[in-house]
Structures are given as C-alpha cells and as structure tokens.
Amino acid sequence: MKTWALLSFTACGISLLLCGCGGGSTPAVVSPLAGNWLIAGPLPTYGFTAPGTGVFSLAMSFDVTDNNITASGYASGFCASNSTPPIYNEAFSFSSLTTGVIAEDGSFTLQTPQNIPDYSLSMQGRVPEINTEQFAGTYAATFNSPIGPTCVGNSSGMFTATSFPLVSGVYTGTENFQTLTNGFFSTASPITMQVSLQQGATVLDPTTGLSKPSNIAIGGNIHVQGFPCFTSGTANTARFIISGEPFSSIEGNILRVNFTMDDGSTLNLTGALSDTTESHISAQLLVVPSEKCGAGSYFFSPTDLTRQN
C-alpha cells in the first residue's frame, strides 16, 4: 500500500482544520488533495459568451474528510448549436454534491449525481505526495445550456492538475450603483468596498445544529462606504438545508459569498479569480434589501477587486 505524505499546519488560525491552539492540542491532518486545483486549460471564464474559443477549462476545490472527498468546481467549454454564431463558450458549476472516495493505494474517483440533467463530471486521479505537487488523471464532462439556444458540449481526456492557493486576503474596489423606484432610475452613485476573505471556515448544518470545518467554505467580512442602507456585513457560512452547500463558498476559481449586512439586508458577491495569483476578483453584487432599506431595487456595475496583502 502506498502512503502519501500528509500536510500539517501547526500555527493557530492558519488551517481551517485545526481543532484549537495551546494546552497540548494536536494539529489536524490535512490531505494533500484538499485545496484549489486547476485541472484543465486556463482558469475558466465566468458566464456565457459568444463566439466561443473552443478551449475547455476546469478548476476545482476539494474538501477531504478521512478518505471521503467533497468537491466543487467551475468550467467553461465550447458547445455547438444550430444558431448563429454556432460555437459558444458555456460556463457551468459543479456543486459540492460532487463526491468521491480515496482508495488505499492513493487513487481516487469523483462523480456528480446521476439525477442532474444539465451536466455531469467524472474524474479519476491519484493524491499527490504534497499539496504543491501536480497530480495526474482523467476526466469526462458533458453539459448543455439550461437557458438560451440549445447548446450541448462534452470534453474528456487526461490532465495534470496544478495547485493554487487558498483564498486569503483583503480586497478593495470602487463600484457604481443605481436605484429603481417607481420605474425611475437614480443617477449613478459610487461606493467603495473593502472585503476580507478567508477560504476555510466552520460551517453550521441547520438540520443537525452541528458545526464542522470545510475547505470549500469562505469566511470574512465586508465594509462599504457610500451606500444608503448599510456599512458592514459578515459572511454567512451556514449550509443550505436542501443541497448541503455552504451559503458562502468557492467553486474552483469562482467565489459566491453571502454577506448578512448590519441593517438586515443580504449582499451577494459573485466573483471570478482572474489568475492563479489571486490578485484580482472580477466581482458582481446583488442586494436583497431589508425593510429598513426601502422599497427600491439596486443595480450595480461590475467591479474589479484588487488584493491589498
């Protein structure tokens, strides 16, 4: 039986999987597979674009408990349709319902649930000796567009996965927003944001009341200047009751963070890491206003968030 090296973090607060610090506590063991991996191509592009490039890209994030794997990911790939132009770039998420098992020899398999009609992913690979090493394997992906023109694509082959860091840092940016009240848009107003993000958070299961660490969950907070309703918020790391996914999580290079704001509003930040240095997040915001925030709807322009540390 092959034994792969296991990575331990001894400093308190560095690893999401630590049980505690001081008093003789023992650091938790983290599988070298846990983390973010670029599986195929460049980092995926966010959204639906035409014409397509013809390149399949896949990035994934792995959570490992004992020998059980939970994975989430994001992919963009070309798909063919009968419309014009005939080739599109279709982007799609592989949710954290994607699961697998590590065998005694260090090999593993992953598979999305069979009852999802829009996509499927299967993967075979071998756990690396350390997290910073590459690992090889094979994959097969199929997908079709749930909206817009019918567009079906598939991709398969061998891959060599490359690790990129857990998301951690402070990002800042400026964005404009408008309100829509009684059918009329306000003039654009600027806001500034400072977002602190840390991949790896303790997640609350609302059905059991139990908490456990998750390598896919995103914790953090946000500070906003210039918005009429709120100034700060905290990432919600509870799980969805039905899917079991964290409200705030990472899917490969895509961040979906749900902030509960100080006035009771919800701010949803969706962002794509543009490169594996994680220096920029191409972000979009959606506000679900509280009663204190008025009856208007809020519309935001996309923004670039730049890491400060």
C-alpha atoms as a PDB file:
ATOM      1  CA  MET A   1       0.000   0.000   0.000  1.00  0.00           C
ATOM      2  CA  LYS A   2       1.375   3.406  -0.951  1.00  0.00           C
ATOM      3  CA  THR A   3       1.318   6.060   1.743  1.00  0.00           C
ATOM      4  CA  TRP A   4       1.217   9.695   0.695  1.00  0.00           C
ATOM      5  CA  ALA A   5       2.684  12.495   2.759  1.00  0.00           C
ATOM      6  CA  LEU A   6       0.248  14.446   4.886  1.00  0.00           C
ATOM      7  CA  LEU A   7       0.453  18.142   5.453  1.00  0.00           C
ATOM      8  CA  SER A   8       0.145  19.547   8.980  1.00  0.00           C
ATOM      9  CA  PHE A   9      -0.170  23.169   9.969  1.00  0.00           C
ATOM     10  CA  THR A  10       0.983  23.937  13.479  1.00  0.00           C
ATOM     11  CA  ALA A  11       0.223  27.635  13.760  1.00  0.00           C
ATOM     12  CA  CYS A  12      -3.176  28.510  15.228  1.00  0.00           C
ATOM     13  CA  GLY A  13      -5.554  30.107  12.729  1.00  0.00           C
ATOM     14  CA  ILE A  14      -3.656  29.137   9.569  1.00  0.00           C
ATOM     15  CA  SER A  15      -5.544  25.968   8.775  1.00  0.00           C
ATOM     16  CA  LEU A  16      -9.317  25.658   8.777  1.00  0.00           C
ATOM     17  CA  LEU A  17      -8.996  22.153  10.100  1.00  0.00           C
ATOM     18  CA  LEU A  18      -7.209  22.868  13.345  1.00  0.00           C
ATOM     19  CA  CYS A  19      -9.047  21.717  16.436  1.00  0.00           C
ATOM     20  CA  GLY A  20      -7.631  24.502  18.598  1.00  0.00           C
ATOM     21  CA  CYS A  21      -4.457  26.002  19.935  1.00  0.00           C
ATOM     22  CA  GLY A  22      -2.472  25.699  23.126  1.00  0.00           C
ATOM     23  CA  GLY A  23      -2.900  23.318  26.009  1.00  0.00           C
ATOM     24  CA  GLY A  24      -1.305  20.385  24.189  1.00  0.00           C
ATOM     25  CA  SER A  25      -3.759  20.349  21.287  1.00  0.00           C
ATOM     26  CA  THR A  26      -2.799  18.219  18.293  1.00  0.00           C
ATOM     27  CA  PRO A  27      -2.916  19.788  14.828  1.00  0.00           C
ATOM     28  CA  ALA A  28      -5.418  18.200  12.474  1.00  0.00           C
ATOM     29  CA  VAL A  29      -4.027  16.338   9.483  1.00  0.00           C
ATOM     30  CA  VAL A  30      -4.896  17.829   6.104  1.00  0.00           C
ATOM     31  CA  SER A  31      -4.904  15.714   2.959  1.00  0.00           C
ATOM     32  CA  PRO A  32      -2.584  16.990   0.195  1.00  0.00           C
ATOM     33  CA  LEU A  33      -5.610  16.843  -2.104  1.00  0.00           C
ATOM     34  CA  ALA A  34      -7.501  19.465  -0.066  1.00  0.00           C
ATOM     35  CA  GLY A  35      -7.389  22.875  -1.726  1.00  0.00           C
ATOM     36  CA  ASN A  36      -7.790  24.517  -5.126  1.00  0.00           C
ATOM     37  CA  TRP A  37      -6.659  22.926  -8.369  1.00  0.00           C
ATOM     38  CA  LEU A  38      -6.532  23.985 -11.999  1.00  0.00           C
ATOM     39  CA  ILE A  39      -7.466  20.762 -13.763  1.00  0.00           C
ATOM     40  CA  ALA A  40      -7.588  21.675 -17.466  1.00  0.00           C
ATOM     41  CA  GLY A  41      -6.862  24.719 -19.619  1.00  0.00           C
ATOM     42  CA  PRO A  42      -6.567  28.276 -18.305  1.00  0.00           C
ATOM     43  CA  LEU A  43      -8.839  29.394 -15.472  1.00  0.00           C
ATOM     44  CA  PRO A  44     -12.485  29.218 -16.617  1.00  0.00           C
ATOM     45  CA  THR A  45     -14.234  32.368 -17.777  1.00  0.00           C
ATOM     46  CA  TYR A  46     -17.392  33.381 -15.921  1.00  0.00           C
ATOM     47  CA  GLY A  47     -20.687  33.422 -17.800  1.00  0.00           C
ATOM     48  CA  PHE A  48     -21.977  32.696 -21.277  1.00  0.00           C
ATOM     49  CA  THR A  49     -20.097  34.219 -24.220  1.00  0.00           C
ATOM     50  CA  ALA A  50     -20.212  34.056 -27.982  1.00  0.00           C
ATOM     51  CA  PRO A  51     -18.314  33.268 -30.097  1.00  0.00           C
ATOM     52  CA  GLY A  52     -16.559  30.558 -28.159  1.00  0.00           C
ATOM     53  CA  THR A  53     -12.842  29.901 -28.023  1.00  0.00           C
ATOM     54  CA  GLY A  54     -13.022  26.137 -28.338  1.00  0.00           C
ATOM     55  CA  VAL A  55     -10.942  25.650 -25.170  1.00  0.00           C
ATOM     56  CA  PHE A  56     -12.205  23.571 -22.236  1.00  0.00           C
ATOM     57  CA  SER A  57     -11.203  24.880 -18.789  1.00  0.00           C
ATOM     58  CA  LEU A  58     -11.878  23.341 -15.391  1.00  0.00           C
ATOM     59  CA  ALA A  59     -10.903  24.455 -11.872  1.00  0.00           C
ATOM     60  CA  MET A  60     -11.949  22.577  -8.731  1.00  0.00           C
ATOM     61  CA  SER A  61     -11.831  22.867  -4.947  1.00  0.00           C
ATOM     62  CA  PHE A  62     -11.528  19.733  -2.797  1.00  0.00           C
ATOM     63  CA  ASP A  63     -12.583  19.085   0.782  1.00  0.00           C
ATOM     64  CA  VAL A  64     -11.326  15.828   2.302  1.00  0.00           C
ATOM     65  CA  THR A  65     -12.559  14.142   5.497  1.00  0.00           C
ATOM     66  CA  ASP A  66     -10.841  10.836   6.226  1.00  0.00           C
ATOM     67  CA  ASN A  67     -10.978   9.158   2.782  1.00  0.00           C
ATOM     68  CA  ASN A  68     -14.137  10.946   1.613  1.00  0.00           C
ATOM     69  CA  ILE A  69     -13.944  13.776  -0.926  1.00  0.00           C
ATOM     70  CA  THR A  70     -16.434  16.582  -1.446  1.00  0.00           C
ATOM     71  CA  ALA A  71     -15.668  18.750  -4.464  1.00  0.00           C
ATOM     72  CA  SER A  72     -16.991  21.863  -6.132  1.00  0.00           C
ATOM     73  CA  GLY A  73     -15.809  23.327  -9.401  1.00  0.00           C
ATOM     74  CA  TYR A  74     -16.354  25.631 -12.319  1.00  0.00           C
ATOM     75  CA  ALA A  75     -15.796  25.023 -16.004  1.00  0.00           C
ATOM     76  CA  SER A  76     -16.128  26.815 -19.296  1.00  0.00           C
ATOM     77  CA  GLY A  77     -16.133  24.992 -22.589  1.00  0.00           C
ATOM     78  CA  PHE A  78     -17.277  25.247 -26.130  1.00  0.00           C
ATOM     79  CA  CYS A  79     -20.656  23.896 -27.157  1.00  0.00           C
ATOM     80  CA  ALA A  80     -22.253  23.638 -30.570  1.00  0.00           C
ATOM     81  CA  SER A  81     -25.713  24.913 -31.515  1.00  0.00           C
ATOM     82  CA  ASN A  82     -27.801  25.483 -34.641  1.00  0.00           C
ATOM     83  CA  SER A  83     -27.927  29.239 -34.041  1.00  0.00           C
ATOM     84  CA  THR A  84     -25.527  31.950 -35.198  1.00  0.00           C
ATOM     85  CA  PRO A  85     -22.723  32.037 -34.185  1.00  0.00           C
ATOM     86  CA  PRO A  86     -22.578  28.237 -33.984  1.00  0.00           C
ATOM     87  CA  ILE A  87     -19.946  27.968 -31.219  1.00  0.00           C
ATOM     88  CA  TYR A  88     -20.443  29.390 -27.749  1.00  0.00           C
ATOM     89  CA  ASN A  89     -18.484  29.410 -24.523  1.00  0.00           C
ATOM     90  CA  GLU A  90     -20.754  27.809 -21.958  1.00  0.00           C
ATOM     91  CA  ALA A  91     -19.884  28.117 -18.253  1.00  0.00           C
ATOM     92  CA  PHE A  92     -21.261  25.843 -15.563  1.00  0.00           C
ATOM     93  CA  SER A  93     -20.764  24.921 -11.906  1.00  0.00           C
ATOM     94  CA  PHE A  94     -20.112  21.513 -10.414  1.00  0.00           C
ATOM     95  CA  SER A  95     -21.703  21.806  -6.998  1.00  0.00           C
ATOM     96  CA  SER A  96     -20.322  20.370  -3.770  1.00  0.00           C
ATOM     97  CA  LEU A  97     -22.678  17.430  -4.239  1.00  0.00           C
ATOM     98  CA  THR A  98     -19.808  16.043  -6.337  1.00  0.00           C
ATOM     99  CA  THR A  99     -18.294  13.332  -4.166  1.00  0.00           C
ATOM    100  CA  GLY A 100     -15.634  10.638  -4.240  1.00  0.00           C
ATOM    101  CA  VAL A 101     -13.502   8.235  -2.250  1.00  0.00           C
ATOM    102  CA  ILE A 102      -9.737   7.808  -1.841  1.00  0.00           C
ATOM    103  CA  ALA A 103      -8.656   4.172  -2.102  1.00  0.00           C
ATOM    104  CA  GLU A 104      -5.922   2.548  -0.008  1.00  0.00           C
ATOM    105  CA  ASP A 105      -3.407   2.862  -2.850  1.00  0.00           C
ATOM    106  CA  GLY A 106      -3.929   6.666  -3.031  1.00  0.00           C
ATOM    107  CA  SER A 107      -6.084   6.652  -6.162  1.00  0.00           C
ATOM    108  CA  PHE A 108      -9.463   8.398  -6.089  1.00  0.00           C
ATOM    109  CA  THR A 109     -12.639   8.781  -8.121  1.00  0.00           C
ATOM    110  CA  LEU A 110     -15.182  11.615  -8.306  1.00  0.00           C
ATOM    111  CA  GLN A 111     -18.691  11.669  -9.755  1.00  0.00           C
ATOM    112  CA  THR A 112     -21.525  14.184  -9.916  1.00  0.00           C
ATOM    113  CA  PRO A 113     -25.019  12.880  -9.011  1.00  0.00           C
ATOM    114  CA  GLN A 114     -26.735  10.966 -11.778  1.00  0.00           C
ATOM    115  CA  ASN A 115     -30.011  12.920 -11.495  1.00  0.00           C
ATOM    116  CA  ILE A 116     -28.674  16.329 -12.624  1.00  0.00           C
ATOM    117  CA  PRO A 117     -29.764  16.910 -16.245  1.00  0.00           C
ATOM    118  CA  ASP A 118     -27.596  19.926 -17.112  1.00  0.00           C
ATOM    119  CA  TYR A 119     -24.125  18.493 -16.560  1.00  0.00           C
ATOM    120  CA  SER A 120     -22.081  15.518 -15.450  1.00  0.00           C
ATOM    121  CA  LEU A 121     -18.469  15.084 -14.413  1.00  0.00           C
ATOM    122  CA  SER A 122     -16.434  12.012 -13.633  1.00  0.00           C
ATOM    123  CA  MET A 123     -12.774  12.034 -12.645  1.00  0.00           C
ATOM    124  CA  GLN A 124     -10.039   9.606 -11.698  1.00  0.00           C
ATOM    125  CA  GLY A 125      -6.683  10.593 -10.251  1.00  0.00           C
ATOM    126  CA  ARG A 126      -4.044   9.944  -7.627  1.00  0.00           C
ATOM    127  CA  VAL A 127      -3.495  12.011  -4.488  1.00  0.00           C
ATOM    128  CA  PRO A 128      -0.179  13.944  -4.656  1.00  0.00           C
ATOM    129  CA  GLU A 129       2.537  13.464  -2.073  1.00  0.00           C
ATOM    130  CA  ILE A 130       2.297  17.125  -1.035  1.00  0.00           C
ATOM    131  CA  ASN A 131      -0.223  19.833  -1.861  1.00  0.00           C
ATOM    132  CA  THR A 132       2.143  21.869  -4.020  1.00  0.00           C
ATOM    133  CA  GLU A 133       2.894  18.929  -6.338  1.00  0.00           C
ATOM    134  CA  GLN A 134       0.959  18.252  -9.507  1.00  0.00           C
ATOM    135  CA  PHE A 135      -1.210  15.170  -9.880  1.00  0.00           C
ATOM    136  CA  ALA A 136      -2.420  13.389 -12.996  1.00  0.00           C
ATOM    137  CA  GLY A 137      -5.656  11.725 -14.000  1.00  0.00           C
ATOM    138  CA  THR A 138      -8.503  11.551 -16.499  1.00  0.00           C
ATOM    139  CA  TYR A 139     -11.855  13.330 -16.694  1.00  0.00           C
ATOM    140  CA  ALA A 140     -15.075  13.260 -18.722  1.00  0.00           C
ATOM    141  CA  ALA A 141     -17.528  16.179 -18.727  1.00  0.00           C
ATOM    142  CA  THR A 142     -20.810  16.749 -20.531  1.00  0.00           C
ATOM    143  CA  PHE A 143     -23.041  19.810 -20.317  1.00  0.00           C
ATOM    144  CA  ASN A 144     -25.937  21.573 -22.018  1.00  0.00           C
ATOM    145  CA  SER A 145     -27.272  25.075 -21.727  1.00  0.00           C
ATOM    146  CA  PRO A 146     -30.370  25.358 -19.491  1.00  0.00           C
ATOM    147  CA  ILE A 147     -31.178  28.795 -20.969  1.00  0.00           C
ATOM    148  CA  GLY A 148     -30.802  30.454 -24.339  1.00  0.00           C
ATOM    149  CA  PRO A 149     -30.175  28.442 -27.512  1.00  0.00           C
ATOM    150  CA  THR A 150     -29.790  24.696 -27.170  1.00  0.00           C
ATOM    151  CA  CYS A 151     -26.083  24.135 -26.827  1.00  0.00           C
ATOM    152  CA  VAL A 152     -24.539  20.771 -25.984  1.00  0.00           C
ATOM    153  CA  GLY A 153     -20.876  20.137 -25.284  1.00  0.00           C
ATOM    154  CA  ASN A 154     -18.574  17.464 -23.980  1.00  0.00           C
ATOM    155  CA  SER A 155     -14.905  17.114 -23.212  1.00  0.00           C
ATOM    156  CA  SER A 156     -12.703  14.315 -21.928  1.00  0.00           C
ATOM    157  CA  GLY A 157      -9.072  13.363 -21.689  1.00  0.00           C
ATOM    158  CA  MET A 158      -6.012  13.247 -19.482  1.00  0.00           C
ATOM    159  CA  PHE A 159      -5.000  16.125 -17.217  1.00  0.00           C
ATOM    160  CA  THR A 160      -2.167  17.294 -14.998  1.00  0.00           C
ATOM    161  CA  ALA A 161      -3.591  19.356 -12.117  1.00  0.00           C
ATOM    162  CA  THR A 162      -1.734  22.345 -10.677  1.00  0.00           C
ATOM    163  CA  SER A 163      -2.378  23.695  -7.178  1.00  0.00           C
ATOM    164  CA  PHE A 164      -3.208  27.336  -6.493  1.00  0.00           C
ATOM    165  CA  PRO A 165      -3.525  28.903  -3.018  1.00  0.00           C
ATOM    166  CA  LEU A 166      -6.475  29.050  -0.674  1.00  0.00           C
ATOM    167  CA  VAL A 167      -8.148  32.441  -0.986  1.00  0.00           C
ATOM    168  CA  SER A 168      -6.905  34.710   1.789  1.00  0.00           C
ATOM    169  CA  GLY A 169      -6.556  38.468   1.839  1.00  0.00           C
ATOM    170  CA  VAL A 170      -8.112  41.916   1.829  1.00  0.00           C
ATOM    171  CA  TYR A 171      -9.561  43.158  -1.478  1.00  0.00           C
ATOM    172  CA  THR A 172     -10.675  46.695  -2.261  1.00  0.00           C
ATOM    173  CA  GLY A 173     -12.582  48.285  -5.110  1.00  0.00           C
ATOM    174  CA  THR A 174     -14.934  51.053  -6.247  1.00  0.00           C
ATOM    175  CA  GLU A 175     -18.291  50.474  -7.904  1.00  0.00           C
ATOM    176  CA  ASN A 176     -21.337  52.469  -9.043  1.00  0.00           C
ATOM    177  CA  PHE A 177     -24.936  51.695  -8.156  1.00  0.00           C
ATOM    178  CA  GLN A 178     -28.368  52.973  -9.159  1.00  0.00           C
ATOM    179  CA  THR A 179     -31.779  52.642  -7.527  1.00  0.00           C
ATOM    180  CA  LEU A 180     -35.010  51.852  -9.331  1.00  0.00           C
ATOM    181  CA  THR A 181     -38.063  53.362  -7.642  1.00  0.00           C
ATOM    182  CA  ASN A 182     -41.497  53.622  -9.289  1.00  0.00           C
ATOM    183  CA  GLY A 183     -39.940  52.874 -12.667  1.00  0.00           C
ATOM    184  CA  PHE A 184     -37.281  55.588 -12.485  1.00  0.00           C
ATOM    185  CA  PHE A 185     -33.517  55.110 -12.186  1.00  0.00           C
ATOM    186  CA  SER A 186     -31.460  57.358  -9.974  1.00  0.00           C
ATOM    187  CA  THR A 187     -28.157  58.810 -11.091  1.00  0.00           C
ATOM    188  CA  ALA A 188     -25.146  56.546 -10.626  1.00  0.00           C
ATOM    189  CA  SER A 189     -23.514  56.839  -7.206  1.00  0.00           C
ATOM    190  CA  PRO A 190     -20.067  55.471  -6.272  1.00  0.00           C
ATOM    191  CA  ILE A 191     -19.359  53.163  -3.350  1.00  0.00           C
ATOM    192  CA  THR A 192     -16.057  51.826  -2.069  1.00  0.00           C
ATOM    193  CA  MET A 193     -15.616  48.336  -0.661  1.00  0.00           C
ATOM    194  CA  GLN A 194     -13.090  46.522   1.478  1.00  0.00           C
ATOM    195  CA  VAL A 195     -13.611  42.768   1.546  1.00  0.00           C
ATOM    196  CA  SER A 196     -11.682  40.394   3.821  1.00  0.00           C
ATOM    197  CA  LEU A 197     -11.870  36.775   2.654  1.00  0.00           C
ATOM    198  CA  GLN A 198     -10.524  33.543   4.112  1.00  0.00           C
ATOM    199  CA  GLN A 199     -11.075  30.179   2.461  1.00  0.00           C
ATOM    200  CA  GLY A 200     -11.701  27.539   5.098  1.00  0.00           C
ATOM    201  CA  ALA A 201     -14.434  28.198   7.637  1.00  0.00           C
ATOM    202  CA  THR A 202     -16.534  26.393  10.198  1.00  0.00           C
ATOM    203  CA  VAL A 203     -19.905  25.580   8.669  1.00  0.00           C
ATOM    204  CA  LEU A 204     -23.176  25.209  10.590  1.00  0.00           C
ATOM    205  CA  ASP A 205     -25.541  22.439   9.498  1.00  0.00           C
ATOM    206  CA  PRO A 206     -29.043  23.855  10.162  1.00  0.00           C
ATOM    207  CA  THR A 207     -30.658  20.416  10.193  1.00  0.00           C
ATOM    208  CA  THR A 208     -28.412  18.995  12.934  1.00  0.00           C
ATOM    209  CA  GLY A 209     -27.158  22.113  14.680  1.00  0.00           C
ATOM    210  CA  LEU A 210     -23.607  20.759  14.377  1.00  0.00           C
ATOM    211  CA  SER A 211     -20.596  22.645  13.036  1.00  0.00           C
ATOM    212  CA  LYS A 212     -17.561  21.323  11.219  1.00  0.00           C
ATOM    213  CA  PRO A 213     -14.685  22.823   9.217  1.00  0.00           C
ATOM    214  CA  SER A 214     -14.926  22.969   5.442  1.00  0.00           C
ATOM    215  CA  ASN A 215     -12.160  23.678   2.961  1.00  0.00           C
ATOM    216  CA  ILE A 216     -14.775  24.909   0.462  1.00  0.00           C
ATOM    217  CA  ALA A 217     -16.464  27.442   2.755  1.00  0.00           C
ATOM    218  CA  ILE A 218     -15.499  31.139   2.642  1.00  0.00           C
ATOM    219  CA  GLY A 219     -15.471  33.289   5.774  1.00  0.00           C
ATOM    220  CA  GLY A 220     -14.904  37.010   6.066  1.00  0.00           C
ATOM    221  CA  ASN A 221     -16.469  40.438   6.266  1.00  0.00           C
ATOM    222  CA  ILE A 222     -17.163  43.475   4.105  1.00  0.00           C
ATOM    223  CA  HIS A 223     -17.088  47.231   4.732  1.00  0.00           C
ATOM    224  CA  VAL A 224     -18.949  49.598   2.389  1.00  0.00           C
ATOM    225  CA  GLN A 225     -18.835  53.378   2.156  1.00  0.00           C
ATOM    226  CA  GLY A 226     -21.406  55.394   0.226  1.00  0.00           C
ATOM    227  CA  PHE A 227     -24.366  53.001   0.252  1.00  0.00           C
ATOM    228  CA  PRO A 228     -27.590  54.374   1.832  1.00  0.00           C
ATOM    229  CA  CYS A 229     -28.583  51.291   3.868  1.00  0.00           C
ATOM    230  CA  PHE A 230     -25.581  49.555   5.397  1.00  0.00           C
ATOM    231  CA  THR A 231     -21.880  49.880   6.121  1.00  0.00           C
ATOM    232  CA  SER A 232     -20.653  46.393   7.066  1.00  0.00           C
ATOM    233  CA  GLY A 233     -21.519  42.703   6.975  1.00  0.00           C
ATOM    234  CA  THR A 234     -20.317  39.193   7.818  1.00  0.00           C
ATOM    235  CA  ALA A 235     -20.144  36.162   5.538  1.00  0.00           C
ATOM    236  CA  ASN A 236     -22.867  33.602   6.177  1.00  0.00           C
ATOM    237  CA  THR A 237     -21.238  30.155   6.417  1.00  0.00           C
ATOM    238  CA  ALA A 238     -24.327  28.116   7.289  1.00  0.00           C
ATOM    239  CA  ARG A 239     -25.363  25.367   4.893  1.00  0.00           C
ATOM    240  CA  PHE A 240     -28.351  25.287   2.578  1.00  0.00           C
ATOM    241  CA  ILE A 241     -30.842  22.856   4.072  1.00  0.00           C
ATOM    242  CA  ILE A 242     -31.602  21.083   0.766  1.00  0.00           C
ATOM    243  CA  SER A 243     -28.248  20.970  -1.042  1.00  0.00           C
ATOM    244  CA  GLY A 244     -25.941  20.957   1.981  1.00  0.00           C
ATOM    245  CA  GLU A 245     -23.639  23.524   0.317  1.00  0.00           C
ATOM    246  CA  PRO A 246     -22.286  26.480   2.323  1.00  0.00           C
ATOM    247  CA  PHE A 247     -24.003  29.799   1.623  1.00  0.00           C
ATOM    248  CA  SER A 248     -20.514  31.279   1.132  1.00  0.00           C
ATOM    249  CA  SER A 249     -18.170  29.019  -0.800  1.00  0.00           C
ATOM    250  CA  ILE A 250     -15.648  28.599  -3.602  1.00  0.00           C
ATOM    251  CA  GLU A 251     -16.089  26.593  -6.792  1.00  0.00           C
ATOM    252  CA  GLY A 252     -12.648  26.314  -8.342  1.00  0.00           C
ATOM    253  CA  ASN A 253     -11.935  29.954  -9.229  1.00  0.00           C
ATOM    254  CA  ILE A 254     -15.474  31.262  -8.591  1.00  0.00           C
ATOM    255  CA  LEU A 255     -16.399  32.845  -5.245  1.00  0.00           C
ATOM    256  CA  ARG A 256     -20.006  33.063  -4.079  1.00  0.00           C
ATOM    257  CA  VAL A 257     -20.143  34.951  -0.781  1.00  0.00           C
ATOM    258  CA  ASN A 258     -23.377  35.742   1.056  1.00  0.00           C
ATOM    259  CA  PHE A 259     -22.979  38.670   3.489  1.00  0.00           C
ATOM    260  CA  THR A 260     -25.520  39.475   6.193  1.00  0.00           C
ATOM    261  CA  MET A 261     -25.383  43.265   6.492  1.00  0.00           C
ATOM    262  CA  ASP A 262     -25.791  45.421   9.598  1.00  0.00           C
ATOM    263  CA  ASP A 263     -29.280  46.621   8.577  1.00  0.00           C
ATOM    264  CA  GLY A 264     -30.562  43.094   7.886  1.00  0.00           C
ATOM    265  CA  SER A 265     -30.056  43.249   4.123  1.00  0.00           C
ATOM    266  CA  THR A 266     -28.248  40.492   2.219  1.00  0.00           C
ATOM    267  CA  LEU A 267     -25.393  41.295  -0.138  1.00  0.00           C
ATOM    268  CA  ASN A 268     -24.411  38.520  -2.538  1.00  0.00           C
ATOM    269  CA  LEU A 269     -20.945  38.826  -4.072  1.00  0.00           C
ATOM    270  CA  THR A 270     -20.099  36.595  -7.018  1.00  0.00           C
ATOM    271  CA  GLY A 271     -16.554  36.889  -8.287  1.00  0.00           C
ATOM    272  CA  ALA A 272     -14.100  35.144 -10.572  1.00  0.00           C
ATOM    273  CA  LEU A 273     -10.395  34.866  -9.766  1.00  0.00           C
ATOM    274  CA  SER A 274      -8.775  36.023 -12.974  1.00  0.00           C
ATOM    275  CA  ASP A 275      -5.448  34.246 -12.411  1.00  0.00           C
ATOM    276  CA  THR A 276      -3.832  31.772 -10.018  1.00  0.00           C
ATOM    277  CA  THR A 277      -2.012  34.540  -8.115  1.00  0.00           C
ATOM    278  CA  GLU A 278      -5.481  35.579  -6.889  1.00  0.00           C
ATOM    279  CA  SER A 279      -4.553  39.259  -7.088  1.00  0.00           C
ATOM    280  CA  HIS A 280      -7.853  40.274  -8.732  1.00  0.00           C
ATOM    281  CA  ILE A 281     -11.506  39.284  -8.403  1.00  0.00           C
ATOM    282  CA  SER A 282     -13.913  40.280 -11.166  1.00  0.00           C
ATOM    283  CA  ALA A 283     -16.991  40.812  -8.991  1.00  0.00           C
ATOM    284  CA  GLN A 284     -20.729  41.359  -9.323  1.00  0.00           C
ATOM    285  CA  LEU A 285     -23.037  42.393  -6.462  1.00  0.00           C
ATOM    286  CA  LEU A 286     -26.693  41.722  -5.726  1.00  0.00           C
ATOM    287  CA  VAL A 287     -28.518  43.285  -2.776  1.00  0.00           C
ATOM    288  CA  VAL A 288     -31.656  41.791  -1.239  1.00  0.00           C
ATOM    289  CA  PRO A 289     -32.797  44.819   0.779  1.00  0.00           C
ATOM    290  CA  SER A 290     -34.229  44.705   4.287  1.00  0.00           C
ATOM    291  CA  GLU A 291     -37.362  46.599   5.278  1.00  0.00           C
ATOM    292  CA  LYS A 292     -35.086  49.355   6.583  1.00  0.00           C
ATOM    293  CA  CYS A 293     -33.524  49.721   3.135  1.00  0.00           C
ATOM    294  CA  GLY A 294     -36.656  50.982   1.358  1.00  0.00           C
ATOM    295  CA  ALA A 295     -38.729  49.603  -1.482  1.00  0.00           C
ATOM    296  CA  GLY A 296     -36.337  50.352  -4.342  1.00  0.00           C
ATOM    297  CA  SER A 297     -34.191  47.871  -6.267  1.00  0.00           C
ATOM    298  CA  TYR A 298     -30.435  48.340  -6.540  1.00  0.00           C
ATOM    299  CA  PHE A 299     -28.340  47.774  -9.665  1.00  0.00           C
ATOM    300  CA  PHE A 300     -24.547  47.559  -9.601  1.00  0.00           C
ATOM    301  CA  SER A 301     -21.924  47.747 -12.310  1.00  0.00           C
ATOM    302  CA  PRO A 302     -19.238  45.022 -12.355  1.00  0.00           C
ATOM    303  CA  THR A 303     -16.090  45.880 -10.464  1.00  0.00           C
ATOM    304  CA  ASP A 304     -12.512  44.732 -10.121  1.00  0.00           C
ATOM    305  CA  LEU A 305     -11.447  43.958  -6.567  1.00  0.00           C
ATOM    306  CA  THR A 306      -7.686  44.162  -6.017  1.00  0.00           C
ATOM    307  CA  ARG A 307      -5.896  42.339  -3.208  1.00  0.00           C
ATOM    308  CA  GLN A 308      -4.008  44.625  -0.828  1.00  0.00           C
ATOM    309  CA  ASN A 309      -1.989  41.987   1.039  1.00  0.00           C
END
